[in-house]
Protein backbone atom coordinates (compact mmCIF):
# COMPACT_ATOMS: atom_id res chain seq x y z
CA MET A 1 2.20 -147.74 -44.88
CA LYS A 2 2.91 -144.89 -47.25
CA ARG A 3 4.72 -142.07 -45.48
CA ASN A 4 4.43 -138.42 -46.48
CA LEU A 5 8.04 -137.28 -46.97
CA LEU A 6 8.74 -133.61 -47.57
CA PRO A 7 11.62 -132.53 -49.80
CA CYS A 8 14.78 -132.48 -47.68
CA SER A 9 15.35 -128.78 -48.33
CA LEU A 10 12.00 -128.01 -46.68
CA VAL A 11 12.05 -130.56 -43.89
CA LEU A 12 14.28 -128.92 -41.34
CA THR A 13 15.98 -125.62 -40.76
CA LEU A 14 16.80 -124.02 -37.45
CA PHE A 15 14.49 -121.12 -36.73
CA SER A 16 17.09 -118.59 -35.62
CA LEU A 17 15.82 -116.00 -33.21
CA CYS A 18 17.94 -113.51 -35.11
CA GLU A 19 20.51 -113.70 -37.91
CA LEU A 20 23.56 -115.84 -37.18
CA SER A 21 25.76 -112.76 -37.48
CA ALA A 22 23.92 -111.10 -34.58
CA GLU A 23 25.15 -110.97 -31.01
CA TRP A 24 25.02 -113.91 -28.58
CA ASN A 25 21.47 -113.33 -27.32
CA GLN A 26 20.66 -116.66 -25.65
CA TRP A 27 22.20 -119.89 -24.39
CA ARG A 28 24.32 -121.45 -27.17
CA GLY A 29 24.01 -118.37 -29.36
CA PRO A 30 21.49 -117.05 -31.91
CA SER A 31 20.66 -120.48 -33.34
CA GLY A 32 20.60 -122.17 -29.95
CA ALA A 33 23.00 -124.77 -31.34
CA GLY A 34 26.44 -123.46 -30.36
CA ILE A 35 27.32 -122.05 -33.79
CA SER A 36 29.41 -118.89 -34.12
CA GLN A 37 30.20 -117.05 -37.35
CA ALA A 38 33.40 -115.57 -35.87
CA LYS A 39 36.43 -115.99 -38.14
CA ALA A 40 39.29 -114.88 -35.88
CA LEU A 41 38.56 -116.14 -32.38
CA PRO A 42 41.60 -116.86 -30.24
CA THR A 43 42.61 -120.51 -29.90
CA LYS A 44 45.31 -119.90 -27.28
CA TRP A 45 45.09 -118.03 -23.97
CA SER A 46 46.01 -118.16 -20.30
CA GLU A 47 45.78 -115.88 -17.27
CA THR A 48 48.59 -113.80 -18.81
CA LYS A 49 47.90 -114.18 -22.54
CA ASN A 50 45.07 -112.80 -24.73
CA VAL A 51 42.95 -111.71 -21.74
CA LYS A 52 41.46 -108.29 -22.54
CA TRP A 53 39.88 -108.00 -19.09
CA LYS A 54 38.86 -110.09 -16.12
CA THR A 55 36.01 -109.03 -13.82
CA ALA A 56 35.05 -110.62 -10.52
CA LEU A 57 31.27 -111.04 -10.27
CA PRO A 58 29.23 -110.76 -7.05
CA GLY A 59 27.01 -113.69 -6.14
CA ARG A 60 27.14 -117.18 -7.62
CA GLY A 61 25.67 -118.75 -10.75
CA TRP A 62 26.32 -120.93 -13.79
CA SER A 63 24.23 -118.96 -16.28
CA SER A 64 26.12 -118.15 -19.47
CA PRO A 65 26.80 -114.60 -20.70
CA VAL A 66 24.41 -113.12 -23.27
CA ILE A 67 25.37 -110.12 -25.36
CA GLU A 68 23.57 -107.28 -27.12
CA GLY A 69 25.65 -104.38 -28.42
CA ASN A 70 28.10 -103.18 -25.80
CA ARG A 71 26.31 -104.90 -22.90
CA ILE A 72 26.97 -108.36 -21.46
CA TRP A 73 24.43 -109.86 -19.05
CA VAL A 74 24.60 -112.73 -16.59
CA THR A 75 22.48 -113.71 -13.61
CA ALA A 76 23.63 -114.56 -10.09
CA ALA A 77 22.23 -115.52 -6.71
CA HIS A 78 23.36 -114.34 -3.31
CA GLU A 79 23.08 -117.36 -1.02
CA PHE A 80 22.60 -117.43 2.76
CA LEU A 81 23.12 -120.89 4.23
CA ALA A 82 20.55 -122.43 6.54
CA SER A 83 21.59 -123.81 9.90
CA GLU A 84 22.53 -127.47 10.13
CA GLU A 85 19.43 -128.14 12.24
CA ASP A 86 17.12 -126.43 9.75
CA SER A 87 18.79 -128.22 6.82
CA LYS A 88 18.21 -131.66 8.33
CA LYS A 89 14.60 -130.81 9.11
CA ARG A 90 13.80 -129.58 5.60
CA LEU A 91 15.62 -132.42 3.83
CA LYS A 92 13.29 -134.98 5.43
CA SER A 93 10.93 -134.41 2.50
CA ASN A 94 13.67 -134.99 -0.09
CA THR A 95 13.02 -138.15 -2.12
CA GLY A 96 16.56 -138.50 -3.53
CA SER A 97 20.10 -139.12 -2.32
CA GLN A 98 22.17 -136.38 -4.00
CA PRO A 99 24.60 -133.99 -2.21
CA LEU A 100 22.48 -130.91 -1.53
CA THR A 101 22.84 -127.39 -0.22
CA VAL A 102 20.05 -125.80 1.86
CA LEU A 103 19.62 -122.03 2.15
CA GLU A 104 17.87 -119.78 4.61
CA LYS A 105 17.45 -117.14 1.88
CA ALA A 106 18.40 -116.41 -1.74
CA ARG A 107 18.52 -113.07 -3.56
CA PHE A 108 18.36 -113.14 -7.36
CA HIS A 109 20.27 -110.56 -9.43
CA ALA A 110 20.90 -109.52 -13.03
CA LEU A 111 24.38 -108.15 -13.77
CA CYS A 112 25.27 -105.96 -16.75
CA ILE A 113 28.94 -105.65 -17.75
CA ASP A 114 30.46 -103.19 -20.22
CA ARG A 115 31.82 -105.21 -23.12
CA GLU A 116 34.77 -102.92 -23.78
CA SER A 117 36.06 -102.34 -20.24
CA GLY A 118 34.59 -105.17 -18.14
CA ARG A 119 33.12 -102.63 -15.72
CA ILE A 120 29.85 -103.63 -13.99
CA LEU A 121 27.18 -101.19 -15.19
CA HIS A 122 24.11 -102.59 -13.39
CA ASN A 123 23.61 -104.95 -10.47
CA VAL A 124 19.83 -105.33 -10.32
CA GLU A 125 18.15 -107.17 -7.46
CA LEU A 126 15.10 -108.85 -9.02
CA PHE A 127 13.50 -110.62 -6.05
CA SER A 128 14.37 -112.71 -3.02
CA VAL A 129 13.05 -115.99 -1.60
CA ASN A 130 13.03 -117.23 1.99
CA GLU A 131 13.71 -120.94 2.52
CA PRO A 132 14.15 -121.79 -1.16
CA GLN A 133 14.25 -125.39 -2.30
CA TRP A 134 17.55 -127.16 -1.79
CA VAL A 135 19.99 -127.30 -4.73
CA HIS A 136 22.52 -129.86 -5.93
CA ARG A 137 26.04 -128.89 -4.89
CA TYR A 138 27.14 -129.02 -8.55
CA ASN A 139 24.27 -126.75 -9.56
CA SER A 140 23.44 -123.15 -8.60
CA TYR A 141 20.34 -121.05 -7.97
CA ALA A 142 21.18 -119.05 -11.11
CA SER A 143 21.97 -121.72 -13.71
CA PRO A 144 19.35 -120.87 -16.39
CA THR A 145 20.80 -118.47 -18.97
CA PRO A 146 18.78 -115.29 -19.60
CA ILE A 147 17.74 -114.18 -23.07
CA VAL A 148 18.05 -110.66 -24.47
CA ASP A 149 15.64 -109.34 -27.10
CA GLN A 150 15.04 -105.83 -28.46
CA GLY A 151 16.58 -103.96 -25.55
CA ARG A 152 15.17 -106.14 -22.78
CA ILE A 153 16.71 -108.97 -20.79
CA TYR A 154 14.51 -111.83 -19.55
CA CYS A 155 15.94 -113.56 -16.47
CA HIS A 156 14.57 -116.98 -15.53
CA PHE A 157 15.17 -118.81 -12.24
CA GLY A 158 12.87 -121.83 -12.56
CA THR A 159 10.34 -122.14 -9.77
CA TYR A 160 11.50 -118.85 -8.21
CA GLY A 161 10.26 -116.77 -11.12
CA MET A 162 11.11 -114.64 -14.12
CA ALA A 163 11.84 -110.92 -14.42
CA CYS A 164 12.16 -108.60 -17.40
CA VAL A 165 14.68 -105.75 -17.20
CA ASP A 166 15.20 -102.75 -19.47
CA CYS A 167 18.78 -103.07 -20.73
CA SER A 168 19.51 -99.34 -20.87
CA SER A 169 18.17 -98.22 -17.52
CA GLY A 170 18.48 -101.44 -15.51
CA LYS A 171 14.89 -101.00 -14.34
CA VAL A 172 12.62 -104.01 -13.77
CA VAL A 173 9.74 -103.93 -16.29
CA TRP A 174 7.76 -106.88 -14.94
CA LYS A 175 7.97 -109.99 -12.80
CA ASN A 176 6.11 -113.30 -12.94
CA LEU A 177 6.37 -115.53 -9.85
CA ASP A 178 3.45 -117.84 -10.68
CA ASN A 179 5.10 -120.96 -12.19
CA HIS A 180 6.25 -123.55 -9.69
CA CYS A 181 7.53 -127.11 -9.45
CA MET A 182 9.86 -129.10 -7.19
CA HIS A 183 13.21 -129.09 -9.01
CA GLU A 184 14.84 -131.31 -6.35
CA ASN A 185 18.31 -130.24 -7.60
CA GLY A 186 17.74 -126.58 -8.43
CA PRO A 187 16.71 -124.80 -11.65
CA GLY A 188 18.37 -125.63 -14.98
CA GLY A 189 16.54 -125.02 -18.27
CA SER A 190 16.81 -121.66 -20.07
CA PRO A 191 14.01 -119.73 -21.83
CA VAL A 192 13.56 -119.12 -25.57
CA ILE A 193 11.55 -116.53 -27.51
CA VAL A 194 9.46 -116.66 -30.66
CA GLY A 195 7.51 -113.59 -31.69
CA ASN A 196 5.80 -112.15 -28.65
CA VAL A 197 6.06 -115.17 -26.35
CA ILE A 198 8.81 -116.47 -24.10
CA PHE A 199 8.62 -120.10 -23.06
CA PHE A 200 10.40 -122.53 -20.75
CA HIS A 201 10.15 -125.97 -19.16
CA MET A 202 8.89 -126.71 -15.64
CA ASP A 203 9.68 -130.41 -15.20
CA GLY A 204 9.76 -131.17 -11.49
CA SER A 205 9.34 -134.30 -9.41
CA ASP A 206 5.80 -133.20 -8.58
CA LYS A 207 4.50 -131.72 -11.85
CA GLN A 208 5.73 -131.46 -15.42
CA TYR A 209 4.63 -128.84 -17.94
CA VAL A 210 5.74 -126.35 -20.59
CA THR A 211 4.57 -122.76 -20.34
CA ALA A 212 4.74 -119.46 -22.22
CA LEU A 213 4.44 -115.84 -21.10
CA ASN A 214 3.70 -112.71 -23.11
CA LYS A 215 7.08 -110.99 -23.25
CA ASP A 216 5.56 -107.48 -23.09
CA ASP A 217 3.84 -107.85 -19.72
CA GLY A 218 4.78 -111.29 -18.35
CA LYS A 219 1.20 -112.57 -18.31
CA LEU A 220 0.43 -116.23 -19.03
CA ALA A 221 0.04 -117.05 -22.73
CA TRP A 222 -0.42 -120.83 -22.38
CA ARG A 223 0.50 -123.82 -20.26
CA THR A 224 0.59 -127.44 -21.44
CA ALA A 225 1.01 -130.49 -19.22
CA ARG A 226 3.35 -133.29 -20.31
CA SER A 227 1.28 -136.18 -21.66
CA GLY A 228 3.87 -139.00 -21.75
CA LYS A 229 3.75 -141.78 -19.17
CA LEU A 230 6.53 -141.47 -16.55
CA HIS A 231 8.14 -143.70 -13.93
CA SER A 232 6.41 -143.77 -10.54
CA ASN A 233 9.58 -142.63 -8.73
CA PRO A 234 9.37 -138.80 -8.36
CA GLN A 235 13.14 -138.47 -8.94
CA LEU A 236 12.74 -140.01 -12.40
CA LYS A 237 10.13 -137.48 -13.56
CA LYS A 238 12.20 -134.31 -13.50
CA ALA A 239 14.17 -132.63 -16.31
CA TYR A 240 16.30 -129.51 -16.85
CA SER A 241 16.56 -129.20 -20.62
CA THR A 242 16.09 -126.10 -22.78
CA PRO A 243 13.61 -126.10 -25.69
CA LEU A 244 14.72 -125.62 -29.28
CA VAL A 245 12.74 -123.69 -31.88
CA MET A 246 12.89 -124.88 -35.48
CA ARG A 247 10.97 -124.89 -38.73
CA ARG A 248 9.67 -128.18 -40.10
CA GLY A 249 8.19 -127.75 -43.52
CA GLU A 250 5.96 -124.70 -43.43
CA LYS A 251 5.50 -124.61 -39.66
CA THR A 252 7.49 -123.52 -36.61
CA GLU A 253 7.77 -126.09 -33.81
CA LEU A 254 9.00 -126.04 -30.25
CA ILE A 255 11.16 -129.14 -29.66
CA SER A 256 11.08 -130.00 -25.98
CA ALA A 257 12.99 -132.83 -24.26
CA GLY A 258 11.56 -134.02 -20.94
CA ALA A 259 11.89 -137.16 -18.87
CA ASN A 260 11.41 -140.28 -21.08
CA TRP A 261 9.89 -138.32 -23.98
CA VAL A 262 10.71 -135.61 -26.51
CA TYR A 263 7.77 -133.49 -27.67
CA GLY A 264 6.87 -131.16 -30.52
CA TYR A 265 4.58 -128.21 -29.66
CA ASP A 266 3.03 -125.29 -31.48
CA PRO A 267 4.89 -122.36 -29.85
CA MET A 268 1.96 -119.98 -30.27
CA THR A 269 -0.72 -122.18 -28.67
CA GLY A 270 1.13 -124.89 -26.74
CA ASP A 271 -0.74 -127.61 -28.64
CA GLU A 272 1.17 -130.91 -28.62
CA LYS A 273 1.86 -132.00 -32.21
CA TRP A 274 3.83 -135.20 -31.58
CA LYS A 275 5.95 -137.03 -29.04
CA VAL A 276 8.55 -139.80 -29.19
CA ASP A 277 9.27 -142.27 -26.38
CA TYR A 278 12.99 -142.81 -25.71
CA GLU A 279 12.07 -146.50 -25.14
CA THR A 280 14.65 -146.48 -22.35
CA LEU A 281 14.69 -144.68 -19.01
CA GLY A 282 16.04 -141.14 -19.38
CA PHE A 283 15.47 -138.21 -17.00
CA SER A 284 17.09 -135.11 -15.42
CA ASN A 285 17.73 -133.97 -19.00
CA VAL A 286 20.28 -131.17 -19.17
CA ALA A 287 21.76 -131.45 -22.67
CA ARG A 288 19.88 -129.43 -25.31
CA PRO A 289 18.96 -131.29 -28.53
CA VAL A 290 20.40 -130.18 -31.88
CA THR A 291 19.17 -130.66 -35.44
CA GLY A 292 20.64 -131.17 -38.89
CA ASN A 293 20.04 -132.98 -42.18
CA GLY A 294 16.36 -133.55 -41.40
CA MET A 295 17.14 -135.15 -38.02
CA LEU A 296 17.01 -134.41 -34.30
CA PHE A 297 19.85 -135.54 -32.02
CA LEU A 298 19.39 -135.78 -28.26
CA SER A 299 20.83 -137.45 -25.21
CA THR A 300 18.43 -139.37 -22.98
CA CYS A 301 20.64 -138.06 -20.14
CA PHE A 302 20.67 -139.65 -16.69
CA MET A 303 20.53 -143.36 -15.91
CA ARG A 304 22.42 -144.87 -18.86
CA ALA A 305 22.59 -142.08 -21.40
CA GLU A 306 21.99 -142.89 -25.06
CA MET A 307 22.38 -140.55 -28.03
CA LEU A 308 19.30 -140.82 -30.25
CA GLY A 309 19.09 -139.99 -33.94
CA ILE A 310 15.44 -139.13 -34.66
CA SER A 311 14.23 -138.65 -38.22
CA LEU A 312 11.94 -135.65 -38.67
CA LYS A 313 11.12 -136.42 -42.31
CA GLY A 314 7.47 -137.16 -41.77
CA LYS A 315 6.33 -138.71 -38.51
CA PRO A 316 9.24 -138.40 -36.03
CA GLU A 317 10.87 -141.75 -35.22
CA ILE A 318 14.12 -143.05 -33.75
CA VAL A 319 16.42 -144.39 -36.50
CA TRP A 320 19.64 -145.00 -34.55
CA ARG A 321 21.11 -145.17 -31.01
CA TYR A 322 24.64 -144.75 -29.69
CA ARG A 323 25.53 -145.78 -26.14
CA LYS A 324 29.25 -145.23 -25.40
CA SER A 325 30.29 -142.22 -23.25
CA VAL A 326 27.16 -140.24 -24.08
CA PRO A 327 26.89 -137.01 -22.03
CA SER A 328 24.14 -136.21 -19.56
CA SER A 329 25.07 -132.53 -19.27
CA PRO A 330 27.17 -131.15 -22.19
CA SER A 331 25.03 -130.68 -25.30
CA PRO A 332 26.08 -132.22 -28.63
CA ILE A 333 27.05 -130.13 -31.63
CA PHE A 334 26.27 -130.69 -35.32
CA VAL A 335 28.83 -129.64 -37.96
CA ASP A 336 28.76 -130.50 -41.69
CA GLY A 337 26.95 -133.82 -41.35
CA LEU A 338 28.90 -134.87 -38.24
CA LEU A 339 27.79 -135.02 -34.61
CA PHE A 340 30.33 -134.30 -31.85
CA PHE A 341 29.98 -134.69 -28.08
CA VAL A 342 32.10 -135.10 -24.95
CA GLY A 343 31.30 -137.41 -22.04
CA ASP A 344 30.54 -136.07 -18.57
CA SER A 345 33.92 -137.17 -17.20
CA GLY A 346 37.23 -138.39 -18.57
CA GLY A 347 37.34 -136.16 -21.65
CA LEU A 348 36.29 -138.74 -24.26
CA VAL A 349 35.13 -136.90 -27.41
CA THR A 350 33.08 -138.80 -29.98
CA CYS A 351 32.43 -138.02 -33.64
CA LEU A 352 29.51 -139.77 -35.34
CA GLU A 353 28.18 -139.69 -38.86
CA ALA A 354 24.95 -137.86 -38.05
CA GLU A 355 22.62 -139.53 -40.53
CA SER A 356 23.57 -143.12 -39.66
CA GLY A 357 25.01 -142.89 -36.14
CA LYS A 358 28.17 -144.63 -37.41
CA LEU A 359 31.29 -144.04 -35.29
CA ILE A 360 33.95 -141.97 -37.08
CA TRP A 361 36.35 -141.60 -34.15
CA SER A 362 36.47 -141.45 -30.35
CA GLU A 363 39.49 -139.80 -28.71
CA ARG A 364 40.44 -138.26 -25.35
CA ILE A 365 41.11 -134.61 -24.65
CA ALA A 366 41.93 -133.07 -21.23
CA SER A 367 40.64 -135.27 -18.42
CA GLY A 368 38.14 -133.89 -15.95
CA LYS A 369 34.41 -133.23 -15.65
CA TYR A 370 32.45 -131.56 -18.42
CA TRP A 371 29.25 -129.58 -17.80
CA ALA A 372 29.36 -126.68 -20.27
CA ALA A 373 28.09 -126.98 -23.84
CA PRO A 374 30.73 -126.78 -26.61
CA PHE A 375 30.56 -124.36 -29.54
CA VAL A 376 32.05 -124.23 -33.04
CA ALA A 377 33.67 -121.34 -34.89
CA ALA A 378 35.75 -121.32 -38.10
CA GLY A 379 35.87 -125.13 -38.23
CA ARG A 380 37.09 -125.50 -34.65
CA ILE A 381 35.17 -126.87 -31.64
CA TYR A 382 35.79 -125.54 -28.12
CA PHE A 383 35.23 -127.93 -25.17
CA HIS A 384 35.34 -126.61 -21.59
CA SER A 385 36.08 -128.69 -18.47
CA GLU A 386 35.16 -127.93 -14.87
CA GLU A 387 38.86 -127.76 -14.11
CA GLY A 388 39.16 -124.56 -16.18
CA VAL A 389 40.63 -126.18 -19.30
CA THR A 390 39.34 -125.40 -22.80
CA THR A 391 40.45 -127.83 -25.51
CA VAL A 392 40.12 -126.71 -29.13
CA ILE A 393 39.88 -129.39 -31.83
CA ARG A 394 39.30 -129.49 -35.59
CA ALA A 395 35.69 -130.17 -36.52
CA GLY A 396 36.35 -132.97 -38.98
CA ARG A 397 36.62 -136.68 -39.70
CA LYS A 398 40.19 -136.71 -38.43
CA PHE A 399 40.88 -136.03 -34.75
CA GLU A 400 43.25 -133.11 -34.25
CA VAL A 401 43.86 -131.00 -31.14
CA VAL A 402 44.54 -127.36 -32.00
CA ALA A 403 45.24 -126.03 -28.51
CA GLU A 404 44.68 -126.56 -24.79
CA ASN A 405 44.16 -123.56 -22.51
CA SER A 406 43.76 -123.09 -18.76
CA LEU A 407 42.19 -120.42 -16.56
CA ASP A 408 41.93 -120.12 -12.79
CA GLY A 409 38.63 -121.34 -11.39
CA LYS A 410 35.93 -123.74 -12.53
CA LEU A 411 34.25 -123.65 -15.95
CA MET A 412 30.62 -124.71 -15.53
CA ALA A 413 28.94 -122.08 -17.71
CA SER A 414 28.91 -122.30 -21.51
CA ALA A 415 30.87 -119.71 -23.49
CA ALA A 416 29.58 -116.69 -25.41
CA VAL A 417 31.00 -115.07 -28.56
CA ALA A 418 30.68 -111.55 -29.97
CA GLY A 419 32.76 -110.19 -32.81
CA ASP A 420 36.10 -111.95 -32.49
CA GLU A 421 35.99 -112.02 -28.69
CA LEU A 422 35.35 -115.02 -26.48
CA PHE A 423 33.64 -114.60 -23.11
CA LEU A 424 34.12 -117.25 -20.42
CA ARG A 425 32.56 -117.27 -16.97
CA THR A 426 34.29 -119.22 -14.23
CA ASP A 427 33.26 -119.49 -10.59
CA LYS A 428 35.67 -116.62 -9.92
CA ALA A 429 35.30 -114.14 -12.79
CA LEU A 430 34.09 -113.22 -16.26
CA TYR A 431 36.81 -113.07 -18.93
CA SER A 432 37.03 -111.29 -22.26
CA ILE A 433 39.52 -113.17 -24.44
CA SER A 434 40.80 -111.72 -27.71
CA ASN A 435 43.77 -112.01 -30.06
CA MET A 436 44.02 -108.22 -29.82
CA ALA A 437 44.40 -108.20 -26.04
CA PRO A 438 47.77 -107.16 -24.61
CA SER A 439 49.67 -109.91 -22.84
CA SER A 440 51.27 -109.60 -19.44
CA PRO A 441 55.08 -110.03 -19.26
């Protein structure tokens, strides 16, 4: 069959939500792919070196910092544990076997921090929920990263709702509490914006769909049900991935990874344009896909994770698979024709030739668990472990560790970058890290 192949220069470019030199407005930065244009980020730090400020944050959450101008935003939840008796009663309807936390009540907040001083400027209570769904003990009720756009911050909490806040005043502009699903393990996927719509995934064990809201007033723009056939087990239907917006040829597409399938949608209408079957069981997707050289790269995530290389030159199709130490949670990163990723545990980093899937090298960095997505800046990749260790390596065909750095607390949230400053959120505090910061004696 003759295939219609577009010129490579027109096939695929990331549709940045703003210029790459702009602030860190969403999860994984302006491109959504973990790419920073910073030239002088620190590569070495500790609790007493290159820390400009450290601010303890109220509440709990794994959402990443987002930055516009002099304001840094994160979300958090204040959690009130349910009684042991109530927990056992409510968990009778759970269809899985994961370690779970059950709450009597949760309050959802947006926090604004001054970028220069680390002082908390706003602590905005958005809404509260009685008897919320249980959450996985490794997750939080505030794991989705908000997105900031034109002076407003859009805070998403999965089934619990979304709220829009004016960045200057800290006032709530609108709320939408109408989109629901059974997450089973808590919310995960973050929202993205194109034009006047903000969209996100709602892939639960009970229902699976993608939806978009008008960003001005929060009203429904469209909702599209997943069309791919799924496993009959409810636990194998859910997903927690974040969509990616890109241009393919002359059109903008929303790339959306769900359980067992990856889809392409029209972001303005929600019309499904294509879908690709993983051809192997994959669900509870956390890792966000990345693109490069006319291809899409994604992890099938839980069960036995595989990294898929999908050609987007014409009809999307899988052209290679890689199966060793593929992550379920940390997203991959594409740099100069190479694909890098770290496994969920053990610290095994892999470098593949992106077009062919050929192994270039596979080497270990700091051992531990890895949840956060890596990022690249000035030819260096930063990997963050739960144990608070960030390992910096060269982004090349030869494995080389540049530095290894430790902070107190757990690193579950992905990093943010603005100017030549690095912002890291642990379970204890938010850090501003800079080469210009004074060091303690």
